[in-house]
């Protein structure tokens, strides 16, 4: 296995040469061309003063430039901070300050959110995939300088490669630290279990900062798969890409498949090149999985993962029994177990529900700058708490049952009530705010806010949601708001989120 992420593009260029690697934004790159571009941009970063081990934030929409930037940061031995593009300016500022990034790379459509970032952070370099202006460097100009990387890297497999932020239960995102070994092993194991190779063509609109998308990128480099990357998910465009590129694999989250199944263009779309499909990011109803297999005429295989393990921790191998409703078995070199929710030293028996835990070289190094949260999530013996309630069968296949905590999964994204409550509490009209979850046919779950207004104040649902949108990414904002006189609490005054639905009948 390769020592670190910075070696992947050179490895791919030598092994796969002029074979097409990436198609994005109507542009195509061979593995050799991709590596040469990565080298040039990496050298450009060095010319701006980016140093080894320094954190570089990558805040941009899906594009070939995103992938080049990702591998270029690794190529010069810097640390990658891939940021969800749905974050607001306030959230980006928090992340940048927390991880100490001095350089941020962004796409032209996202650069506006960085207008004041230098005033509130230590950012020195802003690089845009668009034009160069107002102190913003141009990605394409840096590549055009045709510089070379001359320094030798002092990077090992166990070194920090990535700080990936996930929503925080305390109201702020937490930076999960991943080693080079974790990221490379994860992508390698997924490709081998799924038999992804140089004959495969993968179509994806998964957001590049997401760990699911990451294993597709690393798999491309290690096993020579062609990646057809879309900026956003649009049903007709995906169907057309599958037809034109003769895609063998489609990767997506459940809502993507739901849109595709409900599309009027499905019947006339040519999906005959597909050999299998994969779904992750959120559990998928068995009936929907069966419908996908019937309409697409290929196996649909589920996988499970999380930011804290650099990708997936469980899936089914391509040539093996595929049990719908199950996320599969542990990937090689890793272990899964189900433990008592109150005592993780007690392992549950087959078929009993408990918390899912994972152990192996894929688990995070910890949360950046947060030892307390690290201790809560990582046990001293290396077992990581997933926060998922699950059960395991006699074959070692795992079935997700529910969430241990109150996390909401909306369209494949993790949303924490405390983060929304933190924002709502800043509203001058709000006396108390509690956030619960409701089932949603399209997104799986949505957030609902229960608001107690201050005496004499008046507000509307639209007003509260608009207030949240100023501080939170759209996917984190509540989709429903109910004004109440009080919310269920414990004897100590703690809000009982799971009892919030008892207030619904008062609407």
Protein backbone atom coordinates (compact mmCIF):
# COMPACT_ATOMS: atom_id res chain seq x y z
CA UNK A 1 0.00 0.00 0.00
CA UNK A 2 1.21 3.51 -0.78
CA UNK A 3 2.70 5.44 2.13
CA UNK A 4 0.71 8.68 1.77
CA UNK A 5 -1.87 10.47 -0.38
CA UNK A 6 0.77 12.64 -2.03
CA UNK A 7 2.06 9.60 -3.94
CA UNK A 8 -1.24 8.58 -5.52
CA UNK A 9 -1.25 10.73 -8.66
CA UNK A 10 2.29 9.73 -9.68
CA UNK A 11 1.45 6.08 -9.05
CA UNK A 12 -1.66 6.39 -11.25
CA UNK A 13 0.20 8.21 -14.01
CA UNK A 14 2.86 5.48 -14.19
CA UNK A 15 0.37 2.61 -14.04
CA UNK A 16 -2.47 3.90 -16.21
CA UNK A 17 -0.75 6.56 -18.34
CA UNK A 18 -2.95 7.94 -21.10
CA UNK A 19 -6.10 6.11 -20.03
CA UNK A 20 -8.96 8.52 -19.31
CA UNK A 21 -9.19 9.20 -15.58
CA UNK A 22 -11.63 12.05 -15.07
CA UNK A 23 -14.43 13.73 -16.97
CA UNK A 24 -15.85 16.88 -15.38
CA UNK A 25 -17.27 20.17 -16.63
CA UNK A 26 -16.96 18.93 -20.23
CA UNK A 27 -13.23 18.47 -19.73
CA UNK A 28 -11.35 15.20 -19.81
CA UNK A 29 -8.01 14.21 -18.26
CA UNK A 30 -5.84 11.15 -18.66
CA UNK A 31 -4.06 9.90 -15.56
CA UNK A 32 -0.85 11.40 -16.88
CA UNK A 33 -2.46 14.79 -17.54
CA UNK A 34 -4.13 14.77 -14.14
CA UNK A 35 -0.82 14.09 -12.40
CA UNK A 36 0.96 16.84 -14.36
CA UNK A 37 -1.74 19.36 -13.38
CA UNK A 38 -1.55 18.28 -9.75
CA UNK A 39 2.22 18.77 -9.80
CA UNK A 40 1.92 22.26 -11.27
CA UNK A 41 -0.72 23.43 -8.83
CA UNK A 42 1.18 21.89 -5.91
CA UNK A 43 4.24 23.87 -6.96
CA UNK A 44 2.05 26.95 -7.20
CA UNK A 45 0.94 26.47 -3.60
CA UNK A 46 4.56 26.22 -2.51
CA UNK A 47 5.32 29.48 -4.36
CA UNK A 48 2.64 31.16 -2.22
CA UNK A 49 4.42 29.99 0.92
CA UNK A 50 2.29 26.96 1.81
CA UNK A 51 4.40 24.73 4.01
CA UNK A 52 4.45 21.05 4.84
CA UNK A 53 1.97 20.09 7.62
CA UNK A 54 0.13 23.41 7.12
CA UNK A 55 -3.67 23.21 6.86
CA UNK A 56 -5.27 24.27 3.56
CA UNK A 57 -9.05 24.73 3.43
CA UNK A 58 -10.83 23.52 0.31
CA UNK A 59 -14.24 25.19 -0.02
CA UNK A 60 -15.50 24.68 -3.56
CA UNK A 61 -18.20 23.07 -5.67
CA UNK A 62 -17.61 19.77 -7.46
CA UNK A 63 -15.20 20.18 -10.37
CA UNK A 64 -11.99 18.79 -11.82
CA UNK A 65 -10.19 21.68 -10.09
CA UNK A 66 -11.45 20.40 -6.72
CA UNK A 67 -9.88 17.00 -7.31
CA UNK A 68 -6.62 18.54 -8.52
CA UNK A 69 -6.54 20.79 -5.44
CA UNK A 70 -7.17 17.88 -3.07
CA UNK A 71 -4.30 15.78 -4.38
CA UNK A 72 -2.02 18.81 -4.81
CA UNK A 73 -2.39 19.72 -1.13
CA UNK A 74 -1.42 16.16 -0.24
CA UNK A 75 1.39 16.20 -2.81
CA UNK A 76 3.21 19.00 -0.98
CA UNK A 77 2.69 17.40 2.41
CA UNK A 78 0.10 19.89 3.63
CA UNK A 79 -3.09 18.93 5.49
CA UNK A 80 -6.41 18.92 3.60
CA UNK A 81 -9.46 20.61 5.16
CA UNK A 82 -12.37 19.75 2.83
CA UNK A 83 -15.37 21.93 3.69
CA UNK A 84 -19.03 21.37 2.87
CA UNK A 85 -20.07 24.06 0.38
CA UNK A 86 -23.44 24.47 2.11
CA UNK A 87 -21.80 26.11 5.12
CA UNK A 88 -22.44 29.80 5.69
CA UNK A 89 -19.76 32.49 5.99
CA UNK A 90 -19.98 32.32 9.80
CA UNK A 91 -19.49 28.57 9.78
CA UNK A 92 -16.53 28.77 7.40
CA UNK A 93 -14.89 31.38 9.61
CA UNK A 94 -15.32 29.10 12.63
CA UNK A 95 -13.78 26.11 10.81
CA UNK A 96 -10.84 28.11 9.42
CA UNK A 97 -10.05 29.60 12.81
CA UNK A 98 -10.41 26.26 14.56
CA UNK A 99 -7.99 24.39 12.29
CA UNK A 100 -5.63 27.35 11.79
CA UNK A 101 -5.70 27.40 7.98
CA UNK A 102 -3.79 30.20 6.26
CA UNK A 103 -4.81 29.30 2.70
CA UNK A 104 -8.29 28.70 1.30
CA UNK A 105 -9.20 27.43 -2.16
CA UNK A 106 -12.65 28.16 -3.56
CA UNK A 107 -14.75 27.95 -6.71
CA UNK A 108 -16.04 31.09 -8.38
CA UNK A 109 -19.61 30.49 -7.23
CA UNK A 110 -18.51 30.28 -3.58
CA UNK A 111 -15.91 33.05 -3.44
CA UNK A 112 -18.53 35.62 -2.38
CA UNK A 113 -18.90 33.90 0.98
CA UNK A 114 -15.22 34.66 1.66
CA UNK A 115 -15.46 38.43 1.19
CA UNK A 116 -14.59 39.26 4.80
CA UNK A 117 -12.68 36.16 5.76
CA UNK A 118 -9.33 37.94 6.06
CA UNK A 119 -10.83 40.29 8.67
CA UNK A 120 -11.88 37.45 10.95
CA UNK A 121 -9.22 34.79 10.37
CA UNK A 122 -5.50 34.32 9.79
CA UNK A 123 -6.06 33.55 6.08
CA UNK A 124 -3.21 34.87 3.91
CA UNK A 125 -3.99 33.28 0.54
CA UNK A 126 -7.35 33.05 -1.21
CA UNK A 127 -7.29 31.04 -4.43
CA UNK A 128 -10.23 30.97 -6.82
CA UNK A 129 -11.07 28.66 -9.72
CA UNK A 130 -12.32 31.87 -11.35
CA UNK A 131 -10.45 35.04 -12.26
CA UNK A 132 -7.72 36.82 -10.30
CA UNK A 133 -8.89 40.05 -8.66
CA UNK A 134 -8.96 41.99 -5.37
CA UNK A 135 -6.10 40.06 -3.83
CA UNK A 136 -7.53 36.70 -4.87
CA UNK A 137 -5.13 34.37 -6.67
CA UNK A 138 -6.18 32.43 -9.76
CA UNK A 139 -5.96 28.62 -9.70
CA UNK A 140 -5.46 28.55 -13.46
CA UNK A 141 -2.73 31.21 -13.35
CA UNK A 142 -0.82 29.20 -10.77
CA UNK A 143 -1.05 26.10 -12.96
CA UNK A 144 0.03 28.11 -16.01
CA UNK A 145 3.25 29.16 -14.26
CA UNK A 146 4.42 25.59 -14.95
CA UNK A 147 6.48 25.34 -11.77
CA UNK A 148 8.00 22.12 -10.42
CA UNK A 149 8.07 20.59 -6.95
CA UNK A 150 11.64 20.22 -5.82
CA UNK A 151 11.45 19.54 -2.10
CA UNK A 152 11.41 16.04 -0.61
CA UNK A 153 8.46 15.21 1.60
CA UNK A 154 8.80 14.12 5.18
CA UNK A 155 5.41 12.42 5.43
CA UNK A 156 4.53 8.98 6.79
CA UNK A 157 1.42 6.77 6.76
CA UNK A 158 0.53 7.68 10.34
CA UNK A 159 0.79 11.44 9.79
CA UNK A 160 -2.24 13.71 9.67
CA UNK A 161 -3.66 13.98 6.14
CA UNK A 162 -7.09 15.49 6.63
CA UNK A 163 -9.23 17.46 9.07
CA UNK A 164 -12.85 16.88 8.06
CA UNK A 165 -15.49 18.76 10.02
CA UNK A 166 -18.74 17.17 11.08
CA UNK A 167 -21.64 18.87 12.86
CA UNK A 168 -21.09 19.14 16.59
CA UNK A 169 -23.44 18.12 19.38
CA UNK A 170 -22.24 21.14 21.36
CA UNK A 171 -23.34 23.53 18.63
CA UNK A 172 -20.07 23.80 16.67
CA UNK A 173 -18.52 21.47 14.08
CA UNK A 174 -15.79 19.05 15.20
CA UNK A 175 -12.70 18.38 13.10
CA UNK A 176 -12.12 14.64 12.67
CA UNK A 177 -8.41 14.03 12.05
CA UNK A 178 -7.52 11.28 9.59
CA UNK A 179 -4.14 9.75 8.86
CA UNK A 180 -2.88 9.05 5.35
CA UNK A 181 -3.13 5.33 6.12
CA UNK A 182 -6.82 5.61 7.07
CA UNK A 183 -7.83 7.41 3.87
CA UNK A 184 -5.81 5.21 1.53
CA UNK A 185 -6.85 1.95 3.21
CA UNK A 186 -10.50 2.92 3.12
CA UNK A 187 -10.52 3.71 -0.59
CA UNK A 188 -8.48 0.62 -1.34
CA UNK A 189 -10.71 -1.77 0.58
CA UNK A 190 -13.91 -0.39 -0.93
CA UNK A 191 -12.63 -0.75 -4.46
CA UNK A 192 -11.47 -4.30 -3.84
CA UNK A 193 -14.70 -5.41 -2.14
CA UNK A 194 -16.73 -3.87 -4.96
CA UNK A 195 -14.35 -5.15 -7.66
CA UNK A 196 -13.86 -1.62 -9.03
CA UNK A 197 -11.10 -1.61 -11.62
CA UNK A 198 -9.73 -0.07 -14.79
CA UNK A 199 -12.67 -1.37 -16.84
CA UNK A 200 -15.16 0.52 -14.69
CA UNK A 201 -16.69 3.93 -15.33
CA UNK A 202 -18.29 5.59 -12.29
CA UNK A 203 -20.86 8.37 -12.51
CA UNK A 204 -21.22 10.45 -9.34
CA UNK A 205 -22.73 13.70 -8.13
CA UNK A 206 -21.73 13.10 -4.53
CA UNK A 207 -20.24 16.26 -2.94
CA UNK A 208 -16.45 16.04 -3.10
CA UNK A 209 -15.91 16.95 0.59
CA UNK A 210 -18.06 13.98 1.65
CA UNK A 211 -16.17 10.80 2.65
CA UNK A 212 -18.27 8.73 0.24
CA UNK A 213 -17.03 10.84 -2.66
CA UNK A 214 -13.50 10.66 -1.29
CA UNK A 215 -13.27 6.88 -1.57
CA UNK A 216 -14.31 7.19 -5.22
CA UNK A 217 -11.46 9.63 -5.88
CA UNK A 218 -8.81 7.54 -4.15
CA UNK A 219 -10.18 4.43 -5.87
CA UNK A 220 -9.82 6.18 -9.22
CA UNK A 221 -6.14 6.81 -8.54
CA UNK A 222 -5.32 3.36 -7.16
CA UNK A 223 -7.35 1.13 -9.47
CA UNK A 224 -7.72 3.12 -12.67
CA UNK A 225 -11.47 3.61 -12.68
CA UNK A 226 -12.80 6.47 -14.78
CA UNK A 227 -14.75 9.03 -12.75
CA UNK A 228 -17.49 11.09 -14.38
CA UNK A 229 -18.04 13.87 -11.87
CA UNK A 230 -21.13 16.10 -11.85
CA UNK A 231 -21.25 19.46 -10.10
CA UNK A 232 -24.78 18.84 -8.86
CA UNK A 233 -27.32 16.05 -9.01
CA UNK A 234 -29.79 16.43 -11.86
CA UNK A 235 -31.72 13.33 -12.86
CA UNK A 236 -31.71 13.86 -16.63
CA UNK A 237 -28.02 14.79 -16.65
CA UNK A 238 -27.14 11.63 -14.69
CA UNK A 239 -29.17 9.42 -17.02
CA UNK A 240 -27.49 11.04 -20.02
CA UNK A 241 -24.01 10.61 -18.53
CA UNK A 242 -24.63 6.92 -17.88
CA UNK A 243 -25.65 6.49 -21.51
CA UNK A 244 -22.89 8.59 -23.12
CA UNK A 245 -20.01 7.29 -21.02
CA UNK A 246 -21.38 3.74 -20.84
CA UNK A 247 -21.06 3.87 -17.09
CA UNK A 248 -20.75 0.57 -15.24
CA UNK A 249 -21.37 1.99 -11.74
CA UNK A 250 -23.55 4.68 -10.20
CA UNK A 251 -22.95 5.79 -6.60
CA UNK A 252 -25.53 7.84 -4.73
CA UNK A 253 -27.53 8.53 -1.59
CA UNK A 254 -31.15 7.32 -1.16
CA UNK A 255 -32.77 10.59 -2.21
CA UNK A 256 -30.96 10.47 -5.55
CA UNK A 257 -32.43 7.06 -6.28
CA UNK A 258 -35.88 8.29 -5.21
CA UNK A 259 -35.71 11.17 -7.69
CA UNK A 260 -34.51 8.80 -10.40
CA UNK A 261 -37.30 6.31 -9.74
CA UNK A 262 -39.89 9.09 -9.86
CA UNK A 263 -38.54 10.65 -13.05
CA UNK A 264 -40.71 10.55 -16.16
CA UNK A 265 -37.52 9.99 -18.19
CA UNK A 266 -36.59 6.72 -16.47
CA UNK A 267 -38.45 4.46 -18.92
CA UNK A 268 -36.72 5.88 -21.98
CA UNK A 269 -33.27 6.17 -20.40
CA UNK A 270 -30.54 3.77 -21.50
CA UNK A 271 -29.03 2.22 -18.37
CA UNK A 272 -27.93 -0.97 -20.09
CA UNK A 273 -24.22 -0.37 -19.45
CA UNK A 274 -24.66 -0.43 -15.65
CA UNK A 275 -23.40 -3.54 -13.86
CA UNK A 276 -24.13 -2.50 -10.24
CA UNK A 277 -25.15 0.48 -8.11
CA UNK A 278 -24.23 1.50 -4.59
CA UNK A 279 -26.03 3.53 -1.94
CA UNK A 280 -24.78 5.11 1.29
CA UNK A 281 -25.10 8.15 3.50
CA UNK A 282 -28.39 7.02 5.01
CA UNK A 283 -30.27 3.75 5.41
CA UNK A 284 -32.61 3.00 2.54
CA UNK A 285 -36.02 1.32 2.76
CA UNK A 286 -35.94 -2.28 1.52
CA UNK A 287 -38.90 -1.65 -0.79
CA UNK A 288 -37.06 1.23 -2.47
CA UNK A 289 -33.93 -0.86 -2.92
CA UNK A 290 -36.01 -3.58 -4.57
CA UNK A 291 -37.60 -0.99 -6.86
CA UNK A 292 -34.17 0.29 -7.95
CA UNK A 293 -32.99 -3.23 -8.77
CA UNK A 294 -36.15 -3.90 -10.75
CA UNK A 295 -35.97 -0.70 -12.81
CA UNK A 296 -32.19 -0.48 -13.20
CA UNK A 297 -31.81 -4.27 -13.69
CA UNK A 298 -28.61 -4.39 -11.60
CA UNK A 299 -27.73 -5.19 -7.97
CA UNK A 300 -27.99 -2.30 -5.49
CA UNK A 301 -25.48 -2.71 -2.67
CA UNK A 302 -25.55 -0.69 0.53
CA UNK A 303 -22.56 0.68 2.41
CA UNK A 304 -22.17 2.43 5.75
CA UNK A 305 -19.62 4.97 6.83
CA UNK A 306 -18.96 8.16 8.73
CA UNK A 307 -16.54 11.08 8.74
CA UNK A 308 -14.76 9.68 11.78
CA UNK A 309 -13.63 6.58 9.85
CA UNK A 310 -12.53 8.31 6.64
CA UNK A 311 -15.21 6.62 4.57
CA UNK A 312 -16.98 3.30 4.89
CA UNK A 313 -16.73 0.73 7.65
CA UNK A 314 -19.13 -1.86 6.27
CA UNK A 315 -20.51 -3.06 2.95
CA UNK A 316 -21.17 -6.23 0.99
CA UNK A 317 -18.62 -7.68 -1.43
CA UNK A 318 -19.81 -7.70 -5.04
CA UNK A 319 -19.79 -11.49 -5.29
CA UNK A 320 -21.57 -12.53 -2.12
CA UNK A 321 -25.04 -12.60 -0.57
CA UNK A 322 -26.57 -9.12 -0.58
CA UNK A 323 -29.12 -8.67 2.20
CA UNK A 324 -31.33 -5.65 1.65
CA UNK A 325 -31.81 -3.73 4.88
CA UNK A 326 -28.29 -4.55 6.04
CA UNK A 327 -25.17 -2.44 5.64
CA UNK A 328 -23.07 -5.57 5.28
CA UNK A 329 -19.95 -6.72 7.10
CA UNK A 330 -16.83 -4.99 8.37
CA UNK A 331 -14.27 -4.08 5.71
CA UNK A 332 -10.93 -5.97 5.84
CA UNK A 333 -8.50 -5.11 8.66
CA UNK A 334 -11.37 -3.68 10.71
CA UNK A 335 -13.87 -4.95 13.26
CA UNK A 336 -17.47 -4.15 14.16
CA UNK A 337 -19.29 -5.02 17.34
CA UNK A 338 -22.59 -4.24 19.03
CA UNK A 339 -22.35 -3.18 22.68
CA UNK A 340 -24.67 -2.23 25.51
CA UNK A 341 -25.62 1.44 25.11
CA UNK A 342 -24.75 2.17 28.74
CA UNK A 343 -21.70 -0.07 29.08
CA UNK A 344 -19.53 -0.53 26.01
CA UNK A 345 -17.54 -3.28 27.74
CA UNK A 346 -20.59 -5.54 27.45
CA UNK A 347 -21.01 -7.00 23.96
CA UNK A 348 -24.54 -7.83 22.82
CA UNK A 349 -25.57 -11.24 21.52
CA UNK A 350 -26.57 -11.96 17.93
CA UNK A 351 -29.83 -10.20 17.11
CA UNK A 352 -29.77 -7.91 20.15
CA UNK A 353 -29.86 -4.14 19.66
CA UNK A 354 -27.04 -2.00 21.00
CA UNK A 355 -24.57 0.64 19.85
CA UNK A 356 -22.43 -0.09 16.81
CA UNK A 357 -18.71 0.34 17.38
CA UNK A 358 -15.83 0.10 14.91
CA UNK A 359 -12.11 -0.52 15.33
CA UNK A 360 -9.18 -0.54 12.94
CA UNK A 361 -6.65 1.64 11.10
CA UNK A 362 -9.52 3.63 9.52
CA UNK A 363 -10.63 5.25 12.79
CA UNK A 364 -9.83 8.91 13.30
CA UNK A 365 -6.85 10.15 15.26
CA UNK A 366 -9.24 12.28 17.31
CA UNK A 367 -11.10 15.58 17.09
CA UNK A 368 -8.76 18.48 16.36
CA UNK A 369 -8.18 20.51 19.52
CA UNK A 370 -10.95 18.75 21.47
CA UNK A 371 -9.63 16.08 23.81
CA UNK A 372 -12.90 15.86 25.74
CA UNK A 373 -14.99 14.97 22.67
CA UNK A 374 -12.24 12.62 21.52
CA UNK A 375 -12.42 10.69 24.79
CA UNK A 376 -16.21 10.48 24.48
CA UNK A 377 -15.97 8.96 20.99
CA UNK A 378 -12.73 6.94 21.04
CA UNK A 379 -12.16 4.35 23.75
CA UNK A 380 -8.57 3.81 25.04
CA UNK A 381 -8.46 0.41 23.30
CA UNK A 382 -9.21 1.98 19.92
CA UNK A 383 -12.92 1.21 19.58
CA UNK A 384 -14.92 4.12 18.15
CA UNK A 385 -18.52 4.91 19.11
CA UNK A 386 -20.66 5.30 15.99
CA UNK A 387 -23.74 6.67 17.71
CA UNK A 388 -25.84 4.17 15.73
CA UNK A 389 -28.13 1.63 17.31
CA UNK A 390 -27.79 -1.64 15.42
CA UNK A 391 -27.95 -5.42 15.57
CA UNK A 392 -25.83 -8.10 13.95
CA UNK A 393 -26.86 -11.47 12.52
CA UNK A 394 -25.12 -14.85 12.53
CA UNK A 395 -23.23 -14.00 9.34
CA UNK A 396 -21.77 -10.81 10.78
CA UNK A 397 -24.11 -8.60 8.74
CA UNK A 398 -25.13 -5.40 10.53
CA UNK A 399 -28.59 -3.81 10.50
CA UNK A 400 -28.95 -0.16 11.55
CA UNK A 401 -31.99 0.22 13.82
CA UNK A 402 -31.97 3.84 15.03
CA UNK A 403 -29.76 6.66 16.27
CA UNK A 404 -28.33 6.51 19.75
CA UNK A 405 -28.41 10.26 20.07
CA UNK A 406 -30.68 12.85 18.57
CA UNK A 407 -28.83 13.37 15.34
CA UNK A 408 -31.01 14.06 12.32
CA UNK A 409 -29.98 12.68 8.92
CA UNK A 410 -31.52 14.83 6.22
CA UNK A 411 -30.75 13.89 2.64
CA UNK A 412 -27.60 12.07 3.76
CA UNK A 413 -26.24 15.01 5.80
CA UNK A 414 -25.82 14.95 9.56
CA UNK A 415 -27.68 17.65 11.47
CA UNK A 416 -27.49 18.14 15.23
CA UNK A 417 -30.34 19.80 17.15
CA UNK A 418 -27.92 21.61 19.49
CA UNK A 419 -26.36 23.45 16.57
CA UNK A 420 -29.75 24.77 15.44
CA UNK A 421 -30.76 25.58 19.02
CA UNK A 422 -27.57 27.57 19.44
CA UNK A 423 -28.57 29.82 16.54
CA UNK A 424 -32.22 30.11 17.59
CA UNK A 425 -31.18 31.16 21.08
CA UNK A 426 -29.58 34.27 19.58
CA UNK A 427 -32.93 35.47 18.24
CA UNK A 428 -34.16 38.36 20.39
CA UNK A 429 -37.75 37.10 20.24
CA UNK A 430 -36.99 33.54 21.37
CA UNK A 431 -37.15 32.56 25.02
CA UNK A 432 -36.51 28.87 24.51
CA UNK A 433 -35.92 26.64 21.50
CA UNK A 434 -35.89 22.88 21.15
CA UNK A 435 -35.30 20.96 17.96
CA UNK A 436 -36.57 17.49 17.17
CA UNK A 437 -36.86 15.38 14.07
CA UNK A 438 -39.70 14.25 11.88
CA UNK A 439 -39.79 11.57 9.22
CA UNK A 440 -39.83 12.84 5.66
CA UNK A 441 -40.52 10.72 2.58
CA UNK A 442 -37.92 12.46 0.43
CA UNK A 443 -35.14 13.46 2.83
CA UNK A 444 -35.52 10.69 5.38
CA UNK A 445 -35.68 13.09 8.32
CA UNK A 446 -36.14 16.84 8.73
CA UNK A 447 -35.57 19.18 11.65
CA UNK A 448 -38.52 20.77 13.41
CA UNK A 449 -38.12 23.66 15.83
CA UNK A 450 -40.38 24.12 18.84
CA UNK A 451 -40.25 27.77 19.91
CA UNK A 452 -41.29 29.47 23.14
CA UNK A 453 -41.43 33.19 22.41
CA UNK A 454 -40.61 35.90 24.92
CA UNK A 455 -43.61 37.51 26.51
CA UNK A 456 -45.19 40.11 24.25
CA UNK A 457 -43.26 38.98 21.19
CA UNK A 458 -44.73 37.70 17.95
CA UNK A 459 -43.07 35.79 15.08
CA UNK A 460 -43.89 33.65 12.07
CA UNK A 461 -42.56 30.32 10.87
CA UNK A 462 -40.98 31.94 7.79
CA UNK A 463 -39.29 34.54 9.96
CA UNK A 464 -37.67 31.92 12.20
CA UNK A 465 -36.47 29.82 9.26
CA UNK A 466 -35.06 32.92 7.51
CA UNK A 467 -33.17 33.82 10.72
CA UNK A 468 -31.58 30.36 10.76
CA UNK A 469 -30.58 30.63 7.11
CA UNK A 470 -28.40 33.63 7.93
CA UNK A 471 -26.20 31.53 10.19
CA UNK A 472 -26.63 27.92 9.06
CA UNK A 473 -26.26 25.94 5.87
CA UNK A 474 -29.64 25.36 4.23
CA UNK A 475 -29.67 21.65 5.00
CA UNK A 476 -29.28 22.35 8.74
CA UNK A 477 -32.20 24.76 8.98
CA UNK A 478 -35.53 23.58 10.42
CA UNK A 479 -38.14 22.85 7.78
CA UNK A 480 -41.01 23.28 10.25
CA UNK A 481 -41.57 25.59 13.21
CA UNK A 482 -44.19 25.27 15.94
CA UNK A 483 -44.80 27.92 18.59
CA UNK A 484 -45.53 26.39 22.00
CA UNK A 485 -45.95 27.50 25.62
CA UNK A 486 -43.35 25.06 26.93
CA UNK A 487 -41.46 21.88 26.00
CA UNK A 488 -41.04 18.55 27.83
CA UNK A 489 -38.19 18.60 30.32
CA UNK A 490 -36.60 16.28 32.84
CA UNK A 491 -36.59 17.08 36.53
CA UNK A 492 -33.24 18.78 36.08
CA UNK A 493 -34.58 21.03 33.30
CA UNK A 494 -33.02 19.13 30.40
CA UNK A 495 -35.12 19.21 27.24
CA UNK A 496 -36.51 15.79 26.35
CA UNK A 497 -36.12 15.90 22.57
CA UNK A 498 -37.71 12.54 21.97
CA UNK A 499 -40.89 13.77 23.66
CA UNK A 500 -41.22 16.87 21.49
CA UNK A 501 -43.55 15.09 19.09
CA UNK A 502 -46.16 14.95 21.87
CA UNK A 503 -46.65 18.67 21.17
CA UNK A 504 -47.56 18.14 17.53
CA UNK A 505 -51.27 17.69 18.25
CA UNK A 506 -51.38 21.25 19.60
CA UNK A 507 -50.71 22.78 16.17
